[in-house]
Structures are given as C-alpha cells and as structure tokens.
C-alpha cells in the first residue's frame, strides 16, 4: 500500500464550499481508502491505497460532487513526493527573514512551457517562483496575501492548490507516521 496525500482546492475558505473534515474522512473511507486522516480544515487528507493517483483524484472529485454537491479539484501526491519536494526547495525555507514566506502550489499536471512563461511578468524582487514538474515553489519577501502571483497560477492552465511551508512539512511528518 502506498501513502498518499489528497490536497483539495478551495474548501472551507471564507465560508464557501464548507465540508466538515469528519464527513470528508467518511467519504474517503467509503471510497475504499485505508488509514484515512485529515489535517486542518483546508482540505488535506492522508490515506493508504493501491490505486493510481490520477484515477483516485477523479474518484474523489466525483464522490465530493455526489455527496456535497461541490466541484472541487483534487491534487494527489505520495509521501515520497512530499519528501523530495521538501528536500529540493530552492529557497532558504529554514532561514527566512522577517515577513518572508515559502508556499507550494501543487498542480494537477505539468504546465506547458508556454503556459509557464505566462508567470514571468509576476517575478520581482519581492516575490519569486520556481516551477519543478507538477509543483511551484513560491517565495515572498512580504505578505503572501497581498501578492499578485498566487492568483496568476490559473494562467498555467492546470488546477493548482497552495499550501504554506509549515503545512507541507506537517503533512510530510503525518505521512511518515501512517
């Protein structure tokens, strides 16, 4: 059995797309996944399965739509994917200055080169990014919340869901415990 992390986009944000984590856990169990565990309200689910990630993402999206009436993109990574992502971070995540943050945008697929180039105008002295396969490392010298870069991720032409560096590390730690 492989350990997976499902990252749901846009649930429980500003009172929209509300899904209780206990109900989400039950849905994953009903779909046949094992050792299901949720982490915080933003839609992070750890579980074990023997299926293909792409197939599972579709099953989960369909299950959420049927049970909750919501269209929620789901991105899936393995435990080893998260470990490599943390190991290969191009920014000094463990030595950030005051106000600096690192986030990761988890993508549903690798963006086409021409789509990736659409982010270039948003790179600046105050914010930077590095695309690595199906992940985008985001580095902010000021607040993530005032940045124009995260809302531009839609220009990549694939689904994206963003987590802060602390959450990424916590998910990796929880995956090790499964």
C-alpha atoms as a PDB file:
ATOM      1  CA  UNK A   1       0.000   0.000   0.000  1.00  0.00           C
ATOM      2  CA  UNK A   2       1.198   3.482  -0.883  1.00  0.00           C
ATOM      3  CA  UNK A   3       0.705   6.538   1.329  1.00  0.00           C
ATOM      4  CA  UNK A   4      -0.997   9.427  -0.445  1.00  0.00           C
ATOM      5  CA  UNK A   5      -1.920  12.985   0.400  1.00  0.00           C
ATOM      6  CA  UNK A   6      -5.003  14.463  -1.269  1.00  0.00           C
ATOM      7  CA  UNK A   7      -4.979  18.251  -1.453  1.00  0.00           C
ATOM      8  CA  UNK A   8      -8.421  19.721  -2.084  1.00  0.00           C
ATOM      9  CA  UNK A   9      -8.689  23.146  -3.650  1.00  0.00           C
ATOM     10  CA  UNK A  10     -10.944  25.857  -2.298  1.00  0.00           C
ATOM     11  CA  UNK A  11     -12.861  24.194   0.519  1.00  0.00           C
ATOM     12  CA  UNK A  12     -13.715  25.911   3.803  1.00  0.00           C
ATOM     13  CA  UNK A  13     -12.364  29.248   2.585  1.00  0.00           C
ATOM     14  CA  UNK A  14     -14.167  32.405   3.724  1.00  0.00           C
ATOM     15  CA  UNK A  15     -17.341  30.452   4.448  1.00  0.00           C
ATOM     16  CA  UNK A  16     -17.543  28.899   0.966  1.00  0.00           C
ATOM     17  CA  UNK A  17     -17.537  25.231  -0.067  1.00  0.00           C
ATOM     18  CA  UNK A  18     -17.932  24.037   3.515  1.00  0.00           C
ATOM     19  CA  UNK A  19     -17.099  20.386   4.138  1.00  0.00           C
ATOM     20  CA  UNK A  20     -16.698  19.008   7.654  1.00  0.00           C
ATOM     21  CA  UNK A  21     -13.487  17.030   7.973  1.00  0.00           C
ATOM     22  CA  UNK A  22     -15.299  14.161   9.692  1.00  0.00           C
ATOM     23  CA  UNK A  23     -17.630  13.863   6.693  1.00  0.00           C
ATOM     24  CA  UNK A  24     -14.705  14.096   4.276  1.00  0.00           C
ATOM     25  CA  UNK A  25     -12.920  11.322   6.175  1.00  0.00           C
ATOM     26  CA  UNK A  26     -16.033   9.150   5.924  1.00  0.00           C
ATOM     27  CA  UNK A  27     -16.235   9.775   2.179  1.00  0.00           C
ATOM     28  CA  UNK A  28     -12.632   8.628   1.723  1.00  0.00           C
ATOM     29  CA  UNK A  29     -13.324   5.502   3.773  1.00  0.00           C
ATOM     30  CA  UNK A  30     -16.477   4.835   1.728  1.00  0.00           C
ATOM     31  CA  UNK A  31     -14.322   5.059  -1.407  1.00  0.00           C
ATOM     32  CA  UNK A  32     -12.221   2.198  -0.010  1.00  0.00           C
ATOM     33  CA  UNK A  33      -9.151   4.108   1.179  1.00  0.00           C
ATOM     34  CA  UNK A  34      -7.405   2.929   4.359  1.00  0.00           C
ATOM     35  CA  UNK A  35      -5.978   4.709   7.430  1.00  0.00           C
ATOM     36  CA  UNK A  36      -7.667   7.984   6.466  1.00  0.00           C
ATOM     37  CA  UNK A  37      -6.568  11.047   8.401  1.00  0.00           C
ATOM     38  CA  UNK A  38      -7.410  14.710   7.817  1.00  0.00           C
ATOM     39  CA  UNK A  39      -5.282  17.710   8.710  1.00  0.00           C
ATOM     40  CA  UNK A  40      -6.758  21.174   9.321  1.00  0.00           C
ATOM     41  CA  UNK A  41      -9.891  22.462   7.646  1.00  0.00           C
ATOM     42  CA  UNK A  42      -8.340  23.451   4.312  1.00  0.00           C
ATOM     43  CA  UNK A  43      -8.732  20.009   2.764  1.00  0.00           C
ATOM     44  CA  UNK A  44      -5.700  17.838   3.398  1.00  0.00           C
ATOM     45  CA  UNK A  45      -6.359  14.104   3.568  1.00  0.00           C
ATOM     46  CA  UNK A  46      -3.749  11.407   4.146  1.00  0.00           C
ATOM     47  CA  UNK A  47      -4.597   7.806   3.298  1.00  0.00           C
ATOM     48  CA  UNK A  48      -3.315   4.477   2.029  1.00  0.00           C
ATOM     49  CA  UNK A  49      -4.315   2.886  -1.261  1.00  0.00           C
ATOM     50  CA  UNK A  50      -3.060   0.684  -4.082  1.00  0.00           C
ATOM     51  CA  UNK A  51      -4.507   2.700  -6.944  1.00  0.00           C
ATOM     52  CA  UNK A  52      -3.172   5.176  -9.490  1.00  0.00           C
ATOM     53  CA  UNK A  53      -3.160   8.819  -8.287  1.00  0.00           C
ATOM     54  CA  UNK A  54      -4.960  10.106 -11.379  1.00  0.00           C
ATOM     55  CA  UNK A  55      -7.731   7.549 -11.043  1.00  0.00           C
ATOM     56  CA  UNK A  56      -8.131   8.308  -7.336  1.00  0.00           C
ATOM     57  CA  UNK A  57      -8.304  12.074  -7.924  1.00  0.00           C
ATOM     58  CA  UNK A  58     -11.225  11.510 -10.305  1.00  0.00           C
ATOM     59  CA  UNK A  59     -12.971   9.173  -7.842  1.00  0.00           C
ATOM     60  CA  UNK A  60     -12.582  11.676  -5.016  1.00  0.00           C
ATOM     61  CA  UNK A  61     -13.804  14.604  -7.127  1.00  0.00           C
ATOM     62  CA  UNK A  62     -16.851  12.581  -8.210  1.00  0.00           C
ATOM     63  CA  UNK A  63     -17.524  11.485  -4.615  1.00  0.00           C
ATOM     64  CA  UNK A  64     -17.358  15.076  -3.360  1.00  0.00           C
ATOM     65  CA  UNK A  65     -19.715  16.239  -6.072  1.00  0.00           C
ATOM     66  CA  UNK A  66     -22.207  13.454  -5.335  1.00  0.00           C
ATOM     67  CA  UNK A  67     -22.065  13.761  -1.533  1.00  0.00           C
ATOM     68  CA  UNK A  68     -21.627  17.517  -1.062  1.00  0.00           C
ATOM     69  CA  UNK A  69     -22.764  18.981  -4.395  1.00  0.00           C
ATOM     70  CA  UNK A  70     -19.425  20.740  -4.889  1.00  0.00           C
ATOM     71  CA  UNK A  71     -16.960  20.714  -7.768  1.00  0.00           C
ATOM     72  CA  UNK A  72     -13.602  20.536  -6.007  1.00  0.00           C
ATOM     73  CA  UNK A  73     -10.339  19.907  -7.849  1.00  0.00           C
ATOM     74  CA  UNK A  74      -8.178  17.318  -6.088  1.00  0.00           C
ATOM     75  CA  UNK A  75      -4.405  17.042  -6.427  1.00  0.00           C
ATOM     76  CA  UNK A  76      -2.671  13.936  -5.083  1.00  0.00           C
ATOM     77  CA  UNK A  77       0.943  13.415  -4.029  1.00  0.00           C
ATOM     78  CA  UNK A  78       2.728  10.457  -2.459  1.00  0.00           C
ATOM     79  CA  UNK A  79       4.678  10.579   0.769  1.00  0.00           C
ATOM     80  CA  UNK A  80       7.926  10.330  -1.214  1.00  0.00           C
ATOM     81  CA  UNK A  81       6.781  13.189  -3.487  1.00  0.00           C
ATOM     82  CA  UNK A  82       6.473  15.433  -0.422  1.00  0.00           C
ATOM     83  CA  UNK A  83       9.818  14.338   0.967  1.00  0.00           C
ATOM     84  CA  UNK A  84      11.559  15.160  -2.339  1.00  0.00           C
ATOM     85  CA  UNK A  85       9.721  18.455  -2.604  1.00  0.00           C
ATOM     86  CA  UNK A  86      10.953  19.498   0.848  1.00  0.00           C
ATOM     87  CA  UNK A  87      14.481  18.288   0.163  1.00  0.00           C
ATOM     88  CA  UNK A  88      14.694  20.204  -3.141  1.00  0.00           C
ATOM     89  CA  UNK A  89      13.265  23.553  -2.038  1.00  0.00           C
ATOM     90  CA  UNK A  90      15.224  26.256  -3.893  1.00  0.00           C
ATOM     91  CA  UNK A  91      14.558  28.872  -1.208  1.00  0.00           C
ATOM     92  CA  UNK A  92      16.018  29.100   2.314  1.00  0.00           C
ATOM     93  CA  UNK A  93      12.811  27.905   3.998  1.00  0.00           C
ATOM     94  CA  UNK A  94      14.609  27.169   7.274  1.00  0.00           C
ATOM     95  CA  UNK A  95      16.301  30.599   7.358  1.00  0.00           C
ATOM     96  CA  UNK A  96      13.568  33.041   6.373  1.00  0.00           C
ATOM     97  CA  UNK A  97      13.825  36.683   7.298  1.00  0.00           C
ATOM     98  CA  UNK A  98      11.038  38.613   8.965  1.00  0.00           C
ATOM     99  CA  UNK A  99       7.966  38.688   6.735  1.00  0.00           C
ATOM    100  CA  UNK A 100       9.373  36.145   4.278  1.00  0.00           C
ATOM    101  CA  UNK A 101       7.382  33.007   3.499  1.00  0.00           C
ATOM    102  CA  UNK A 102       7.569  29.966   1.267  1.00  0.00           C
ATOM    103  CA  UNK A 103       4.471  28.315  -0.157  1.00  0.00           C
ATOM    104  CA  UNK A 104       3.961  25.488  -2.627  1.00  0.00           C
ATOM    105  CA  UNK A 105       1.368  25.352  -5.382  1.00  0.00           C
ATOM    106  CA  UNK A 106       0.545  21.722  -6.088  1.00  0.00           C
ATOM    107  CA  UNK A 107      -0.504  21.337  -9.719  1.00  0.00           C
ATOM    108  CA  UNK A 108      -2.740  18.683 -11.253  1.00  0.00           C
ATOM    109  CA  UNK A 109      -0.314  18.288 -14.159  1.00  0.00           C
ATOM    110  CA  UNK A 110       2.924  19.661 -15.572  1.00  0.00           C
ATOM    111  CA  UNK A 111       2.168  23.002 -17.245  1.00  0.00           C
ATOM    112  CA  UNK A 112       3.069  23.501 -20.885  1.00  0.00           C
ATOM    113  CA  UNK A 113       6.208  25.635 -21.384  1.00  0.00           C
ATOM    114  CA  UNK A 114       4.225  28.454 -22.994  1.00  0.00           C
ATOM    115  CA  UNK A 115       1.805  28.460 -20.047  1.00  0.00           C
ATOM    116  CA  UNK A 116       4.692  28.522 -17.565  1.00  0.00           C
ATOM    117  CA  UNK A 117       6.142  31.579 -19.296  1.00  0.00           C
ATOM    118  CA  UNK A 118       2.930  33.499 -18.525  1.00  0.00           C
ATOM    119  CA  UNK A 119       4.033  33.792 -14.888  1.00  0.00           C
ATOM    120  CA  UNK A 120       7.312  35.518 -15.753  1.00  0.00           C
ATOM    121  CA  UNK A 121       5.921  39.081 -15.565  1.00  0.00           C
ATOM    122  CA  UNK A 122       4.978  38.456 -11.913  1.00  0.00           C
ATOM    123  CA  UNK A 123       8.504  37.599 -10.806  1.00  0.00           C
ATOM    124  CA  UNK A 124      10.059  40.509  -8.919  1.00  0.00           C
ATOM    125  CA  UNK A 125      12.464  41.467  -6.187  1.00  0.00           C
ATOM    126  CA  UNK A 126       9.617  40.969  -3.707  1.00  0.00           C
ATOM    127  CA  UNK A 127       8.371  37.587  -4.944  1.00  0.00           C
ATOM    128  CA  UNK A 128       9.803  34.719  -6.885  1.00  0.00           C
ATOM    129  CA  UNK A 129       8.796  31.259  -8.036  1.00  0.00           C
ATOM    130  CA  UNK A 130      10.354  28.068  -9.291  1.00  0.00           C
ATOM    131  CA  UNK A 131       8.389  25.524 -11.293  1.00  0.00           C
ATOM    132  CA  UNK A 132       9.515  21.969 -10.674  1.00  0.00           C
ATOM    133  CA  UNK A 133       7.415  19.419 -12.536  1.00  0.00           C
ATOM    134  CA  UNK A 134       3.925  19.492 -11.036  1.00  0.00           C
ATOM    135  CA  UNK A 135       4.890  21.841  -8.196  1.00  0.00           C
ATOM    136  CA  UNK A 136       5.564  25.551  -7.967  1.00  0.00           C
ATOM    137  CA  UNK A 137       7.672  26.869  -5.106  1.00  0.00           C
ATOM    138  CA  UNK A 138       6.581  30.401  -4.201  1.00  0.00           C
ATOM    139  CA  UNK A 139       8.843  32.774  -2.249  1.00  0.00           C
ATOM    140  CA  UNK A 140       7.512  36.008  -0.787  1.00  0.00           C
ATOM    141  CA  UNK A 141       9.559  38.701   0.894  1.00  0.00           C
ATOM    142  CA  UNK A 142       6.355  40.361   2.086  1.00  0.00           C
ATOM    143  CA  UNK A 143       2.881  39.018   2.622  1.00  0.00           C
ATOM    144  CA  UNK A 144       1.512  36.162   0.539  1.00  0.00           C
ATOM    145  CA  UNK A 145      -1.936  37.746   0.956  1.00  0.00           C
ATOM    146  CA  UNK A 146      -1.074  40.967  -0.896  1.00  0.00           C
ATOM    147  CA  UNK A 147       0.888  39.249  -3.663  1.00  0.00           C
ATOM    148  CA  UNK A 148      -0.404  39.179  -7.228  1.00  0.00           C
ATOM    149  CA  UNK A 149       1.471  35.978  -8.038  1.00  0.00           C
ATOM    150  CA  UNK A 150      -0.829  33.331  -6.456  1.00  0.00           C
ATOM    151  CA  UNK A 151      -3.915  34.477  -8.378  1.00  0.00           C
ATOM    152  CA  UNK A 152      -1.905  34.220 -11.611  1.00  0.00           C
ATOM    153  CA  UNK A 153      -1.395  30.469 -11.173  1.00  0.00           C
ATOM    154  CA  UNK A 154      -4.556  29.907 -13.211  1.00  0.00           C
ATOM    155  CA  UNK A 155      -2.517  31.032 -16.242  1.00  0.00           C
ATOM    156  CA  UNK A 156      -0.659  27.723 -16.013  1.00  0.00           C
ATOM    157  CA  UNK A 157      -3.743  26.029 -17.468  1.00  0.00           C
ATOM    158  CA  UNK A 158      -3.892  23.297 -14.792  1.00  0.00           C
ATOM    159  CA  UNK A 159      -5.563  23.076 -11.392  1.00  0.00           C
ATOM    160  CA  UNK A 160      -3.478  24.404  -8.526  1.00  0.00           C
ATOM    161  CA  UNK A 161      -3.897  24.400  -4.769  1.00  0.00           C
ATOM    162  CA  UNK A 162      -1.497  26.259  -2.480  1.00  0.00           C
ATOM    163  CA  UNK A 163      -0.163  25.299   0.959  1.00  0.00           C
ATOM    164  CA  UNK A 164       2.250  27.180   3.191  1.00  0.00           C
ATOM    165  CA  UNK A 165       5.616  25.646   4.031  1.00  0.00           C
ATOM    166  CA  UNK A 166       4.598  24.758   7.581  1.00  0.00           C
ATOM    167  CA  UNK A 167       1.611  22.775   6.296  1.00  0.00           C
ATOM    168  CA  UNK A 168       3.747  21.000   3.674  1.00  0.00           C
ATOM    169  CA  UNK A 169       6.171  19.895   6.388  1.00  0.00           C
ATOM    170  CA  UNK A 170       3.388  18.850   8.751  1.00  0.00           C
ATOM    171  CA  UNK A 171       1.796  16.735   6.013  1.00  0.00           C
ATOM    172  CA  UNK A 172       5.141  15.046   5.367  1.00  0.00           C
ATOM    173  CA  UNK A 173       5.512  14.329   9.089  1.00  0.00           C
ATOM    174  CA  UNK A 174       1.983  12.912   9.316  1.00  0.00           C
ATOM    175  CA  UNK A 175       2.617  10.749   6.243  1.00  0.00           C
ATOM    176  CA  UNK A 176       5.687   9.251   7.945  1.00  0.00           C
ATOM    177  CA  UNK A 177       3.501   8.303  10.918  1.00  0.00           C
ATOM    178  CA  UNK A 178       0.923   6.412   8.800  1.00  0.00           C
END
